N, C-alpha and C. Protein backbone atom coordinates (compact mmCIF):
# COMPACT_ATOMS: atom_id res chain seq x y z
N MET A 1 -36.94 10.45 -37.93
CA MET A 1 -37.77 10.84 -39.08
C MET A 1 -38.66 11.72 -38.87
N LYS A 2 -39.43 11.40 -37.25
CA LYS A 2 -40.07 12.39 -36.54
C LYS A 2 -39.39 13.42 -36.39
N GLN A 3 -37.91 13.65 -36.02
CA GLN A 3 -38.15 14.54 -35.74
C GLN A 3 -37.52 15.62 -36.83
N LYS A 4 -37.11 15.59 -38.17
CA LYS A 4 -37.25 15.74 -39.68
C LYS A 4 -38.56 16.41 -39.95
N ASN A 5 -40.16 15.76 -39.84
CA ASN A 5 -41.28 15.84 -39.82
C ASN A 5 -40.93 17.41 -39.16
N SER A 6 -40.42 17.21 -38.01
CA SER A 6 -41.42 18.56 -36.99
C SER A 6 -40.56 19.61 -37.17
N LEU A 7 -38.91 19.39 -37.50
CA LEU A 7 -38.65 20.83 -38.07
C LEU A 7 -38.97 21.09 -39.56
N LYS A 8 -39.36 20.58 -40.06
CA LYS A 8 -40.27 21.11 -41.86
C LYS A 8 -41.62 21.41 -41.20
N SER A 9 -42.38 20.81 -40.29
CA SER A 9 -43.17 21.51 -39.93
C SER A 9 -42.96 23.36 -39.32
N ILE A 10 -42.08 23.35 -38.73
CA ILE A 10 -41.56 24.84 -38.43
C ILE A 10 -41.23 26.35 -39.38
N VAL A 11 -40.49 25.32 -39.99
CA VAL A 11 -39.70 26.06 -41.24
C VAL A 11 -41.35 26.23 -42.12
N TYR A 12 -42.10 25.18 -42.69
CA TYR A 12 -42.73 26.14 -42.95
C TYR A 12 -44.07 26.52 -42.69
N GLN A 13 -43.91 26.24 -41.68
CA GLN A 13 -45.57 27.40 -40.63
C GLN A 13 -44.58 29.35 -40.61
N GLU A 14 -43.31 29.28 -40.17
CA GLU A 14 -42.39 30.16 -39.74
C GLU A 14 -42.56 31.24 -41.33
N THR A 15 -42.31 29.61 -42.55
CA THR A 15 -42.05 30.40 -43.75
C THR A 15 -43.60 31.30 -44.42
N LEU A 16 -44.53 30.75 -44.00
CA LEU A 16 -45.89 30.86 -44.43
C LEU A 16 -46.77 32.41 -43.73
N ASP A 17 -46.05 32.09 -42.08
CA ASP A 17 -46.37 33.10 -41.67
C ASP A 17 -45.78 34.46 -41.88
N GLY A 18 -43.99 34.23 -41.94
CA GLY A 18 -43.81 35.83 -42.42
C GLY A 18 -43.87 36.28 -43.60
N ILE A 19 -44.90 35.24 -45.00
CA ILE A 19 -45.20 35.71 -46.13
C ILE A 19 -46.95 36.81 -45.65
N ILE A 20 -47.80 36.06 -44.85
CA ILE A 20 -48.74 37.29 -43.91
C ILE A 20 -48.36 38.15 -43.50
N ARG A 21 -46.97 38.10 -42.88
CA ARG A 21 -46.25 39.30 -41.80
C ARG A 21 -46.04 40.28 -42.48
N GLY A 22 -45.60 40.15 -44.05
CA GLY A 22 -45.16 40.94 -45.02
C GLY A 22 -43.84 41.36 -44.84
N GLU A 23 -43.21 39.56 -43.90
CA GLU A 23 -41.71 39.74 -44.01
C GLU A 23 -41.50 39.38 -45.53
N TYR A 24 -41.64 38.49 -45.85
CA TYR A 24 -41.40 38.41 -47.45
C TYR A 24 -42.75 38.83 -48.34
N LYS A 25 -42.00 39.90 -49.41
CA LYS A 25 -42.91 40.19 -49.94
C LYS A 25 -43.18 39.78 -51.45
N ALA A 26 -44.48 40.01 -51.96
CA ALA A 26 -44.43 39.22 -53.17
C ALA A 26 -43.10 39.35 -53.98
N ASN A 27 -42.76 38.08 -55.07
CA ASN A 27 -41.82 38.47 -55.95
C ASN A 27 -40.56 38.15 -55.08
N GLN A 28 -40.35 38.17 -53.93
CA GLN A 28 -38.98 38.66 -52.85
C GLN A 28 -38.99 36.70 -53.32
N ILE A 29 -37.29 36.40 -53.24
CA ILE A 29 -36.50 35.63 -53.55
C ILE A 29 -36.16 34.79 -52.41
N ILE A 30 -36.17 33.71 -51.73
CA ILE A 30 -36.47 32.92 -50.61
C ILE A 30 -35.01 32.03 -51.12
N ASN A 31 -34.01 32.27 -50.59
CA ASN A 31 -33.05 30.93 -50.78
C ASN A 31 -32.74 29.91 -49.20
N GLU A 32 -32.58 28.91 -49.71
CA GLU A 32 -32.19 27.80 -48.95
C GLU A 32 -31.40 28.02 -47.35
N GLN A 33 -30.62 28.83 -48.38
CA GLN A 33 -28.88 28.89 -47.38
C GLN A 33 -29.52 29.91 -46.52
N GLU A 34 -30.63 31.16 -46.70
CA GLU A 34 -30.71 31.74 -45.54
C GLU A 34 -31.26 31.63 -44.98
N LEU A 35 -32.44 30.58 -45.28
CA LEU A 35 -33.28 29.44 -43.95
C LEU A 35 -32.18 28.74 -43.04
N VAL A 36 -31.93 28.35 -43.78
CA VAL A 36 -30.27 27.52 -42.65
C VAL A 36 -30.14 28.55 -42.06
N GLU A 37 -29.28 29.85 -42.26
CA GLU A 37 -28.78 30.14 -41.23
C GLU A 37 -29.63 31.20 -39.93
N LYS A 38 -30.85 30.38 -40.65
CA LYS A 38 -31.95 31.61 -40.05
C LYS A 38 -32.70 30.58 -38.83
N PHE A 39 -32.86 29.63 -39.06
CA PHE A 39 -33.32 27.99 -38.04
C PHE A 39 -32.29 27.42 -37.70
N GLY A 40 -30.76 27.29 -38.24
CA GLY A 40 -30.03 26.22 -37.89
C GLY A 40 -30.17 24.88 -38.04
N PHE A 41 -31.07 24.77 -39.25
CA PHE A 41 -31.47 22.92 -39.40
C PHE A 41 -30.77 22.86 -40.56
N SER A 42 -30.61 21.74 -41.01
CA SER A 42 -30.07 21.29 -42.02
C SER A 42 -30.87 21.62 -43.48
N LYS A 43 -29.99 21.44 -44.52
CA LYS A 43 -31.15 22.02 -45.49
C LYS A 43 -32.15 20.82 -46.07
N ALA A 44 -32.20 19.65 -45.06
CA ALA A 44 -32.76 19.04 -46.08
C ALA A 44 -33.91 19.11 -45.71
N PRO A 45 -34.82 19.21 -43.96
CA PRO A 45 -36.06 19.22 -43.95
C PRO A 45 -36.43 21.10 -43.97
N ILE A 46 -35.30 21.74 -44.39
CA ILE A 46 -36.22 23.45 -45.27
C ILE A 46 -36.47 23.07 -46.74
N ARG A 47 -35.71 22.09 -47.54
CA ARG A 47 -36.03 22.08 -48.86
C ARG A 47 -36.93 21.47 -48.88
N GLU A 48 -37.70 20.41 -48.07
CA GLU A 48 -39.06 19.70 -47.83
C GLU A 48 -40.02 21.27 -47.46
N ALA A 49 -39.85 21.61 -46.93
CA ALA A 49 -40.44 22.62 -46.46
C ALA A 49 -41.08 23.99 -47.45
N LEU A 50 -40.26 24.09 -48.13
CA LEU A 50 -40.12 25.01 -49.24
C LEU A 50 -40.66 24.45 -50.47
N LEU A 51 -40.20 22.89 -50.77
CA LEU A 51 -41.48 22.15 -51.54
C LEU A 51 -42.78 22.26 -51.64
N SER A 52 -42.86 21.64 -50.36
CA SER A 52 -44.31 21.66 -50.23
C SER A 52 -45.13 23.09 -49.97
N LEU A 53 -44.79 24.52 -49.75
CA LEU A 53 -45.41 25.19 -50.15
C LEU A 53 -45.26 25.99 -51.73
N CYS A 54 -44.39 25.04 -52.78
CA CYS A 54 -44.46 25.05 -53.55
C CYS A 54 -45.80 24.45 -54.37
N ASN A 55 -45.68 23.31 -54.08
CA ASN A 55 -47.42 22.49 -54.01
C ASN A 55 -48.17 22.98 -53.83
N GLU A 56 -48.25 23.66 -52.93
CA GLU A 56 -49.48 24.58 -52.00
C GLU A 56 -49.66 26.11 -53.33
N GLY A 57 -48.54 26.47 -54.12
CA GLY A 57 -48.74 27.20 -54.88
C GLY A 57 -48.05 28.94 -54.31
N VAL A 58 -47.72 28.55 -53.13
CA VAL A 58 -47.17 29.92 -51.83
C VAL A 58 -45.53 30.22 -52.82
N LEU A 59 -45.76 29.26 -53.10
CA LEU A 59 -43.88 29.72 -53.32
C LEU A 59 -43.73 29.06 -54.83
N HIS A 60 -42.53 29.50 -55.73
CA HIS A 60 -42.41 29.72 -57.25
C HIS A 60 -40.99 28.49 -57.33
N ASN A 61 -40.87 27.95 -57.45
CA ASN A 61 -39.25 27.21 -57.86
C ASN A 61 -38.24 28.01 -58.73
N ILE A 62 -37.58 28.28 -58.78
CA ILE A 62 -36.33 28.68 -59.72
C ILE A 62 -35.35 28.24 -59.45
N PRO A 63 -35.28 27.34 -60.15
CA PRO A 63 -33.74 26.38 -59.97
C PRO A 63 -32.23 27.13 -60.46
N ARG A 64 -31.86 26.81 -58.99
CA ARG A 64 -29.97 27.48 -59.18
C ARG A 64 -30.33 28.82 -58.68
N TYR A 65 -31.28 29.12 -58.45
CA TYR A 65 -32.09 30.85 -57.67
C TYR A 65 -32.62 30.81 -56.53
N GLY A 66 -33.85 30.38 -56.59
CA GLY A 66 -34.20 30.37 -55.35
C GLY A 66 -35.58 29.86 -55.28
N TYR A 67 -36.34 30.53 -53.93
CA TYR A 67 -37.73 30.26 -54.24
C TYR A 67 -38.64 31.71 -54.14
N GLU A 68 -39.52 31.88 -55.90
CA GLU A 68 -40.01 32.91 -55.35
C GLU A 68 -41.67 33.18 -54.88
N VAL A 69 -41.71 34.18 -53.95
CA VAL A 69 -43.44 34.25 -53.21
C VAL A 69 -44.00 34.89 -54.48
N VAL A 70 -45.07 33.83 -54.41
CA VAL A 70 -45.92 33.73 -55.71
C VAL A 70 -46.41 35.29 -55.70
N ARG A 71 -47.29 35.85 -56.57
CA ARG A 71 -48.07 37.32 -56.08
C ARG A 71 -49.73 36.57 -56.61
N LEU A 72 -49.88 37.46 -55.69
CA LEU A 72 -51.56 37.59 -55.47
C LEU A 72 -52.22 38.92 -55.74
N THR A 73 -53.35 38.90 -56.18
CA THR A 73 -54.17 39.99 -56.73
C THR A 73 -55.43 40.60 -56.45
N SER A 74 -55.85 41.41 -56.77
CA SER A 74 -57.52 41.69 -56.75
C SER A 74 -58.49 41.18 -56.98
N GLU A 75 -57.68 40.85 -58.41
CA GLU A 75 -58.31 39.86 -59.37
C GLU A 75 -58.46 38.46 -58.73
N ASP A 76 -57.40 37.81 -58.73
CA ASP A 76 -57.45 36.15 -57.93
C ASP A 76 -58.31 36.48 -56.74
N ALA A 77 -58.67 37.42 -55.25
CA ALA A 77 -59.24 37.41 -54.38
C ALA A 77 -60.72 37.76 -54.87
N ALA A 78 -61.30 38.05 -55.97
CA ALA A 78 -62.45 38.56 -56.53
C ALA A 78 -63.27 37.13 -56.80
N PHE A 79 -62.14 36.65 -58.07
CA PHE A 79 -62.32 34.70 -58.07
C PHE A 79 -62.89 33.91 -57.33
N ILE A 80 -61.72 33.68 -56.37
CA ILE A 80 -62.10 33.52 -55.30
C ILE A 80 -63.21 33.24 -54.33
N LEU A 81 -64.02 34.16 -54.23
CA LEU A 81 -65.08 35.04 -53.84
C LEU A 81 -66.29 34.45 -54.61
N ARG A 82 -65.92 34.80 -55.96
CA ARG A 82 -67.41 34.16 -56.25
C ARG A 82 -67.49 32.38 -56.53
N TYR A 83 -66.32 31.63 -56.35
CA TYR A 83 -66.53 30.20 -56.10
C TYR A 83 -66.52 30.13 -54.34
N ARG A 84 -66.54 30.46 -53.90
CA ARG A 84 -66.79 30.70 -52.10
C ARG A 84 -68.84 30.59 -52.47
N PHE A 85 -68.53 31.79 -53.23
CA PHE A 85 -70.31 32.12 -53.25
C PHE A 85 -71.20 30.97 -53.31
N HIS A 86 -70.44 30.22 -54.68
CA HIS A 86 -71.36 28.82 -55.23
C HIS A 86 -70.89 27.37 -54.56
N LEU A 87 -69.93 27.84 -53.73
CA LEU A 87 -69.82 26.88 -52.75
C LEU A 87 -70.99 26.73 -51.72
N GLU A 88 -70.72 27.53 -51.18
CA GLU A 88 -71.04 27.96 -49.89
C GLU A 88 -72.68 27.67 -50.28
N GLY A 89 -73.45 28.92 -51.15
CA GLY A 89 -74.50 28.69 -50.88
C GLY A 89 -75.15 27.86 -51.69
N GLY A 90 -74.38 27.05 -52.93
CA GLY A 90 -75.01 25.55 -53.04
C GLY A 90 -75.38 24.52 -51.92
N PHE A 91 -73.90 24.59 -51.06
CA PHE A 91 -74.64 23.48 -50.55
C PHE A 91 -75.35 24.21 -49.00
N LEU A 92 -76.04 25.47 -48.77
CA LEU A 92 -76.97 25.83 -47.74
C LEU A 92 -77.99 25.80 -48.75
N LYS A 93 -78.30 25.89 -49.73
CA LYS A 93 -79.23 25.68 -50.19
C LYS A 93 -79.83 24.49 -50.29
N ASP A 94 -78.89 23.19 -50.19
CA ASP A 94 -79.12 21.79 -50.49
C ASP A 94 -79.92 21.41 -49.08
N CYS A 95 -79.25 22.03 -47.69
CA CYS A 95 -79.38 21.80 -45.75
C CYS A 95 -79.98 23.11 -45.66
N TYR A 96 -80.20 24.00 -46.20
CA TYR A 96 -81.21 24.84 -45.23
C TYR A 96 -82.01 24.24 -44.17
N GLN A 97 -82.85 23.48 -44.53
CA GLN A 97 -84.08 22.99 -44.22
C GLN A 97 -83.58 21.64 -43.26
N ARG A 98 -82.64 21.21 -42.74
CA ARG A 98 -81.85 20.46 -41.88
C ARG A 98 -81.13 21.19 -40.82
N ILE A 99 -80.58 22.46 -40.76
CA ILE A 99 -79.96 22.52 -39.81
C ILE A 99 -80.62 22.78 -38.49
N SER A 100 -80.52 22.38 -37.92
CA SER A 100 -80.99 22.46 -36.24
C SER A 100 -80.98 23.93 -35.22
N GLU A 101 -81.76 24.01 -34.29
CA GLU A 101 -81.46 25.61 -33.80
C GLU A 101 -80.66 25.15 -33.29
N GLU A 102 -79.84 23.83 -32.36
CA GLU A 102 -78.72 23.93 -31.96
C GLU A 102 -76.86 24.14 -32.64
N GLN A 103 -77.53 23.72 -33.94
CA GLN A 103 -76.69 24.23 -34.91
C GLN A 103 -76.41 25.96 -34.99
N LEU A 104 -77.54 26.60 -35.26
CA LEU A 104 -77.48 27.73 -35.07
C LEU A 104 -76.90 28.77 -34.14
N ASP A 105 -77.80 28.02 -33.02
CA ASP A 105 -77.17 28.79 -31.66
C ASP A 105 -75.34 28.84 -31.56
N GLU A 106 -74.53 27.31 -32.33
CA GLU A 106 -73.53 27.49 -32.37
C GLU A 106 -73.08 28.47 -33.34
N LEU A 107 -73.47 28.15 -34.21
CA LEU A 107 -73.31 29.68 -35.19
C LEU A 107 -73.00 30.80 -34.88
N ALA A 108 -74.25 31.70 -34.42
CA ALA A 108 -74.55 32.58 -33.30
C ALA A 108 -73.37 32.82 -32.44
N GLN A 109 -72.67 31.59 -31.60
CA GLN A 109 -72.04 31.82 -30.60
C GLN A 109 -70.47 32.74 -31.23
N LEU A 110 -70.26 32.10 -32.79
CA LEU A 110 -69.62 32.12 -33.65
C LEU A 110 -69.73 33.56 -33.81
N ASP A 111 -70.13 34.18 -34.19
CA ASP A 111 -70.73 35.15 -34.82
C ASP A 111 -70.17 36.55 -33.39
N ASP A 112 -70.80 35.92 -32.51
CA ASP A 112 -70.64 36.84 -31.17
C ASP A 112 -69.03 37.04 -31.31
N LEU A 113 -68.13 36.13 -31.15
CA LEU A 113 -66.65 36.28 -31.22
C LEU A 113 -66.56 36.78 -32.94
N CYS A 114 -66.73 36.40 -33.55
CA CYS A 114 -66.34 37.97 -34.59
C CYS A 114 -66.42 39.33 -34.51
N ASN A 115 -67.62 39.85 -33.57
CA ASN A 115 -67.84 40.91 -33.26
C ASN A 115 -67.06 41.54 -32.40
N GLU A 116 -66.63 40.96 -31.91
CA GLU A 116 -65.68 41.54 -30.27
C GLU A 116 -64.65 42.21 -30.77
N THR A 117 -64.32 42.74 -29.98
CA THR A 117 -63.34 44.14 -29.93
C THR A 117 -62.07 43.33 -30.28
N SER A 118 -60.97 44.18 -31.46
CA SER A 118 -60.08 43.01 -31.24
C SER A 118 -58.60 44.26 -32.11
N ASP A 119 -57.44 44.43 -31.97
CA ASP A 119 -56.61 45.17 -32.19
C ASP A 119 -55.98 44.15 -34.07
N ASP A 120 -56.51 43.03 -33.60
CA ASP A 120 -55.48 42.03 -34.12
C ASP A 120 -56.97 41.62 -35.40
N LEU A 121 -56.65 42.09 -36.88
CA LEU A 121 -56.90 41.81 -37.61
C LEU A 121 -57.27 40.42 -37.99
N TRP A 122 -56.27 39.83 -37.82
CA TRP A 122 -56.02 38.50 -38.08
C TRP A 122 -56.93 37.72 -37.02
N VAL A 123 -57.55 38.06 -35.44
CA VAL A 123 -58.13 37.34 -34.65
C VAL A 123 -59.26 37.47 -35.28
N HIS A 124 -60.01 38.09 -35.64
CA HIS A 124 -60.83 38.87 -36.77
C HIS A 124 -61.29 37.33 -37.99
N TRP A 125 -60.10 37.50 -38.73
CA TRP A 125 -59.82 36.56 -39.68
C TRP A 125 -60.70 35.24 -39.42
N GLU A 126 -59.48 34.91 -38.67
CA GLU A 126 -59.83 33.46 -37.80
C GLU A 126 -61.29 33.10 -37.59
N HIS A 127 -62.42 34.38 -37.04
CA HIS A 127 -63.35 33.99 -36.25
C HIS A 127 -64.25 33.54 -37.30
N ASN A 128 -63.98 34.31 -38.41
CA ASN A 128 -64.58 35.06 -39.56
C ASN A 128 -64.70 33.83 -40.17
N THR A 129 -63.60 32.98 -40.41
CA THR A 129 -63.00 31.65 -41.29
C THR A 129 -64.70 30.56 -40.63
N HIS A 130 -63.97 30.43 -39.12
CA HIS A 130 -64.47 29.11 -38.34
C HIS A 130 -66.21 29.28 -38.60
N PHE A 131 -66.56 30.60 -38.72
CA PHE A 131 -67.90 30.57 -38.69
C PHE A 131 -68.46 30.18 -40.42
N HIS A 132 -67.91 30.08 -40.85
CA HIS A 132 -68.23 30.29 -42.86
C HIS A 132 -68.29 28.59 -42.75
N LEU A 133 -66.90 28.18 -41.85
CA LEU A 133 -66.47 26.34 -42.04
C LEU A 133 -67.58 25.86 -41.23
N LYS A 134 -68.07 26.36 -39.84
CA LYS A 134 -69.46 25.90 -39.63
C LYS A 134 -70.16 25.89 -40.09
N LEU A 135 -70.58 26.89 -40.90
CA LEU A 135 -72.35 26.72 -42.03
C LEU A 135 -72.01 26.19 -42.33
N LEU A 136 -70.91 26.06 -43.52
CA LEU A 136 -70.94 24.78 -44.41
C LEU A 136 -70.64 23.50 -44.25
N SER A 137 -70.14 23.46 -42.83
CA SER A 137 -70.38 21.97 -42.21
C SER A 137 -71.76 21.22 -41.83
N CYS A 138 -72.72 22.08 -41.88
CA CYS A 138 -73.74 21.78 -42.13
C CYS A 138 -74.70 20.96 -42.71
N ALA A 139 -73.96 20.86 -43.77
CA ALA A 139 -74.01 20.32 -44.92
C ALA A 139 -73.97 19.02 -45.00
N GLY A 140 -72.46 18.32 -43.70
CA GLY A 140 -72.23 17.51 -44.14
C GLY A 140 -71.12 16.51 -45.03
N ASN A 141 -70.31 17.25 -45.50
CA ASN A 141 -69.77 17.11 -46.84
C ASN A 141 -68.25 18.16 -45.98
N GLU A 142 -67.47 16.88 -46.13
CA GLU A 142 -65.94 17.44 -45.53
C GLU A 142 -65.49 17.73 -46.73
N TYR A 143 -65.38 17.30 -47.84
CA TYR A 143 -64.85 17.68 -48.58
C TYR A 143 -64.89 18.99 -49.31
N ALA A 144 -65.99 19.20 -48.78
CA ALA A 144 -66.83 20.92 -49.26
C ALA A 144 -65.48 21.85 -48.33
N CYS A 145 -65.58 21.22 -46.99
CA CYS A 145 -64.92 22.00 -46.09
C CYS A 145 -63.20 22.38 -46.18
N GLN A 146 -63.31 20.84 -46.61
CA GLN A 146 -61.30 21.21 -46.86
C GLN A 146 -61.55 22.01 -48.32
N GLU A 147 -62.17 22.67 -49.07
CA GLU A 147 -61.91 23.32 -50.32
C GLU A 147 -62.16 24.39 -49.62
N LEU A 148 -63.69 25.01 -48.52
CA LEU A 148 -62.97 26.29 -48.00
C LEU A 148 -62.27 27.13 -47.65
N GLN A 149 -61.76 25.98 -46.81
CA GLN A 149 -60.36 26.01 -46.25
C GLN A 149 -59.26 26.21 -46.97
N ARG A 150 -59.38 25.68 -47.97
CA ARG A 150 -58.04 26.34 -48.68
C ARG A 150 -58.36 27.46 -49.38
N SER A 151 -59.81 27.80 -49.75
CA SER A 151 -59.76 29.34 -50.66
C SER A 151 -59.72 30.38 -49.39
N MET A 152 -60.06 29.71 -48.06
CA MET A 152 -59.57 30.94 -47.41
C MET A 152 -58.06 31.37 -46.90
N ASP A 153 -57.18 29.83 -46.60
CA ASP A 153 -55.76 30.29 -46.54
C ASP A 153 -55.02 31.11 -47.82
N ILE A 154 -55.74 31.13 -49.09
CA ILE A 154 -55.48 31.36 -50.10
C ILE A 154 -55.65 32.69 -49.85
N LEU A 155 -56.99 32.85 -50.04
CA LEU A 155 -57.29 34.59 -49.98
C LEU A 155 -56.49 35.20 -48.69
N LYS A 156 -55.98 34.67 -47.93
CA LYS A 156 -55.26 35.01 -46.39
C LYS A 156 -54.06 35.31 -47.12
N ARG A 157 -53.68 35.15 -47.81
CA ARG A 157 -52.42 35.21 -48.21
C ARG A 157 -52.45 36.54 -49.47
N ALA A 158 -53.73 36.36 -50.38
CA ALA A 158 -53.72 37.37 -51.16
C ALA A 158 -53.89 39.00 -50.42
N TYR A 159 -55.14 38.92 -49.39
CA TYR A 159 -55.15 40.11 -48.73
C TYR A 159 -53.80 40.86 -47.82
N ALA A 160 -52.92 39.96 -47.23
CA ALA A 160 -51.87 40.32 -46.84
C ALA A 160 -50.81 41.21 -48.01
N GLN A 161 -51.04 40.74 -49.09
CA GLN A 161 -50.12 41.39 -50.01
C GLN A 161 -50.97 42.59 -50.69
N VAL A 162 -52.41 42.15 -51.09
CA VAL A 162 -52.88 43.67 -51.36
C VAL A 162 -53.26 44.65 -50.93
N TYR A 163 -53.44 44.32 -49.61
CA TYR A 163 -54.39 45.07 -48.57
C TYR A 163 -53.66 45.24 -47.37
N TRP A 164 -52.41 44.97 -46.72
CA TRP A 164 -52.09 45.00 -45.94
C TRP A 164 -52.15 46.25 -44.90
N ASN A 165 -51.80 47.12 -45.97
CA ASN A 165 -51.67 48.43 -45.58
C ASN A 165 -52.97 49.13 -45.11
N ARG A 166 -53.25 49.32 -45.78
CA ARG A 166 -54.85 49.24 -45.42
C ARG A 166 -55.54 48.79 -44.34
N TRP A 167 -55.56 47.72 -44.77
CA TRP A 167 -56.08 46.90 -43.25
C TRP A 167 -55.57 47.22 -42.20
N ASN A 168 -53.49 47.34 -42.07
CA ASN A 168 -53.12 48.10 -40.54
C ASN A 168 -53.37 49.32 -40.10
N ASN A 169 -53.96 49.95 -41.31
CA ASN A 169 -53.95 51.29 -40.28
C ASN A 169 -55.81 51.12 -40.25
N LEU A 170 -56.52 50.66 -41.07
CA LEU A 170 -57.37 51.48 -41.33
C LEU A 170 -59.04 49.78 -40.96
N TYR A 171 -58.13 49.13 -40.23
CA TYR A 171 -59.26 48.27 -40.41
C TYR A 171 -60.81 47.74 -39.74
N ASN A 172 -61.84 47.42 -40.04
CA ASN A 172 -62.62 47.08 -39.46
C ASN A 172 -63.73 46.17 -39.80
N PRO A 173 -63.94 45.45 -39.11
CA PRO A 173 -64.61 44.04 -39.47
C PRO A 173 -65.85 44.21 -40.09
N MET A 174 -66.11 44.89 -41.37
CA MET A 174 -67.74 45.38 -42.13
C MET A 174 -67.94 43.91 -42.60
N ASP A 175 -66.91 42.88 -42.87
CA ASP A 175 -67.42 41.51 -43.87
C ASP A 175 -68.25 40.74 -43.41
N MET A 176 -68.72 40.95 -41.80
CA MET A 176 -69.18 39.81 -40.72
C MET A 176 -70.49 40.78 -40.20
N ARG A 177 -71.02 41.86 -40.99
CA ARG A 177 -71.92 42.72 -40.48
C ARG A 177 -73.20 41.41 -40.74
N TYR A 178 -72.76 40.63 -42.00
CA TYR A 178 -74.38 39.98 -42.77
C TYR A 178 -74.55 38.46 -41.93
N HIS A 179 -74.26 38.37 -40.89
CA HIS A 179 -73.87 36.66 -40.49
C HIS A 179 -74.79 36.87 -39.65
N LYS A 180 -75.83 37.54 -38.80
CA LYS A 180 -76.87 37.74 -38.33
C LYS A 180 -78.34 37.51 -39.13
N GLN A 181 -77.87 38.42 -40.28
CA GLN A 181 -79.08 38.06 -41.13
C GLN A 181 -79.41 36.92 -41.86
N ILE A 182 -77.84 36.46 -41.98
CA ILE A 182 -78.23 35.29 -42.78
C ILE A 182 -78.36 34.23 -41.67
N LEU A 183 -78.47 33.96 -40.49
CA LEU A 183 -78.91 33.05 -39.36
C LEU A 183 -80.47 33.20 -39.40
N SER A 184 -80.90 34.52 -39.68
CA SER A 184 -82.63 34.71 -39.46
C SER A 184 -82.53 34.13 -40.61
N CYS A 185 -82.68 34.16 -41.43
CA CYS A 185 -83.22 33.80 -42.51
C CYS A 185 -83.26 32.47 -43.04
N ILE A 186 -81.69 31.72 -42.66
CA ILE A 186 -82.07 30.19 -42.68
C ILE A 186 -83.27 29.70 -41.23
N ARG A 187 -83.13 30.55 -39.53
CA ARG A 187 -84.18 30.22 -39.11
C ARG A 187 -85.95 30.51 -39.47
N GLN A 188 -85.78 31.02 -40.77
CA GLN A 188 -86.86 31.18 -41.17
C GLN A 188 -86.93 30.70 -42.29
N LYS A 189 -86.60 29.74 -43.00
CA LYS A 189 -86.11 28.84 -43.64
C LYS A 189 -86.93 29.48 -45.26
N ASN A 190 -85.88 30.61 -45.35
CA ASN A 190 -85.97 31.73 -46.67
C ASN A 190 -84.70 31.26 -47.33
N ILE A 191 -84.66 31.12 -47.42
CA ILE A 191 -83.50 30.64 -48.80
C ILE A 191 -82.83 31.62 -49.69
N SER A 192 -83.97 32.05 -50.31
CA SER A 192 -83.28 33.35 -51.22
C SER A 192 -83.12 34.72 -50.52
N GLU A 193 -83.17 34.84 -49.19
CA GLU A 193 -82.65 35.78 -48.56
C GLU A 193 -81.19 35.47 -47.55
N ALA A 194 -81.30 34.36 -47.45
CA ALA A 194 -79.85 33.85 -47.08
C ALA A 194 -78.94 33.97 -47.71
N LEU A 195 -79.41 33.01 -49.38
CA LEU A 195 -78.59 33.44 -50.20
C LEU A 195 -78.00 35.05 -50.23
N HIS A 196 -79.37 35.74 -50.51
CA HIS A 196 -78.86 37.12 -50.85
C HIS A 196 -77.91 38.43 -49.89
N TYR A 197 -77.96 37.70 -48.67
CA TYR A 197 -76.66 37.85 -47.08
C TYR A 197 -75.79 37.77 -47.46
N LEU A 198 -75.65 36.29 -47.73
CA LEU A 198 -74.17 35.67 -48.08
C LEU A 198 -73.76 36.13 -48.71
N GLU A 199 -74.26 36.66 -50.56
CA GLU A 199 -73.62 37.34 -51.06
C GLU A 199 -73.14 38.68 -50.82
N LEU A 200 -73.95 39.25 -49.78
CA LEU A 200 -73.45 40.65 -49.88
C LEU A 200 -72.38 40.60 -48.56
N ASP A 201 -72.52 39.90 -48.20
CA ASP A 201 -71.29 39.36 -47.01
C ASP A 201 -70.21 39.18 -47.78
N LEU A 202 -69.93 38.25 -48.70
CA LEU A 202 -68.90 37.80 -49.39
C LEU A 202 -67.87 39.17 -50.69
N LYS A 203 -69.76 40.37 -50.52
CA LYS A 203 -68.88 41.51 -51.39
C LYS A 203 -67.78 42.34 -50.34
N ASP A 204 -68.79 42.28 -49.18
CA ASP A 204 -68.03 43.29 -48.48
C ASP A 204 -66.98 43.00 -47.83
N PHE A 205 -66.87 41.54 -48.07
CA PHE A 205 -65.52 40.92 -47.42
C PHE A 205 -64.03 41.07 -49.15
N GLY A 206 -64.84 41.08 -49.67
CA GLY A 206 -63.91 41.67 -51.24
C GLY A 206 -63.89 43.31 -51.33
N CYS A 207 -64.11 43.88 -50.63
CA CYS A 207 -64.36 45.47 -50.71
C CYS A 207 -63.25 45.65 -49.40
N MET A 208 -62.33 45.24 -48.80
CA MET A 208 -62.27 45.12 -47.35
C MET A 208 -60.84 46.53 -48.04
């Protein structure tokens, strides 16, 4: 059973990574036999991995045909970004007075990573994700953090589909330029300005 779960995890992650890399395009059909040949595994772990991706909204099962890569649009990204503002902003409003200097220092260190030079746009993506997850975690609500991670995972697929060519050639991590202002406002206990810069931060995120 442990080996079967391990094989399932490999197929799951490789297929998801293939969607992010653009190996599998939106609306493309993936079938089990194709993956059996690719990985050399039996059908059972491959089917389980594909069904897991269906349950997460990554694929759509078309009986007797295959698994379609779900298309995400710029409108989908905009809806999720608005949700993120209410999620992150709402919890920040509740907890900003309790955020410690130690937590702010940790956030500043994560922001430094966000601004490091890298040719890999997904390295910037992961640093940015860690910054926002850390900021939200200051509220002490694990469920909220899980929802933010889920939102970031969907956004990652949406941006890979909608903006891949643009990012691949012109990427500049402008979506992280307001982190310092957010932290500065939290230090000053100025929640209205902190929320203002958070909204600008997410708007930048949606315009890349």
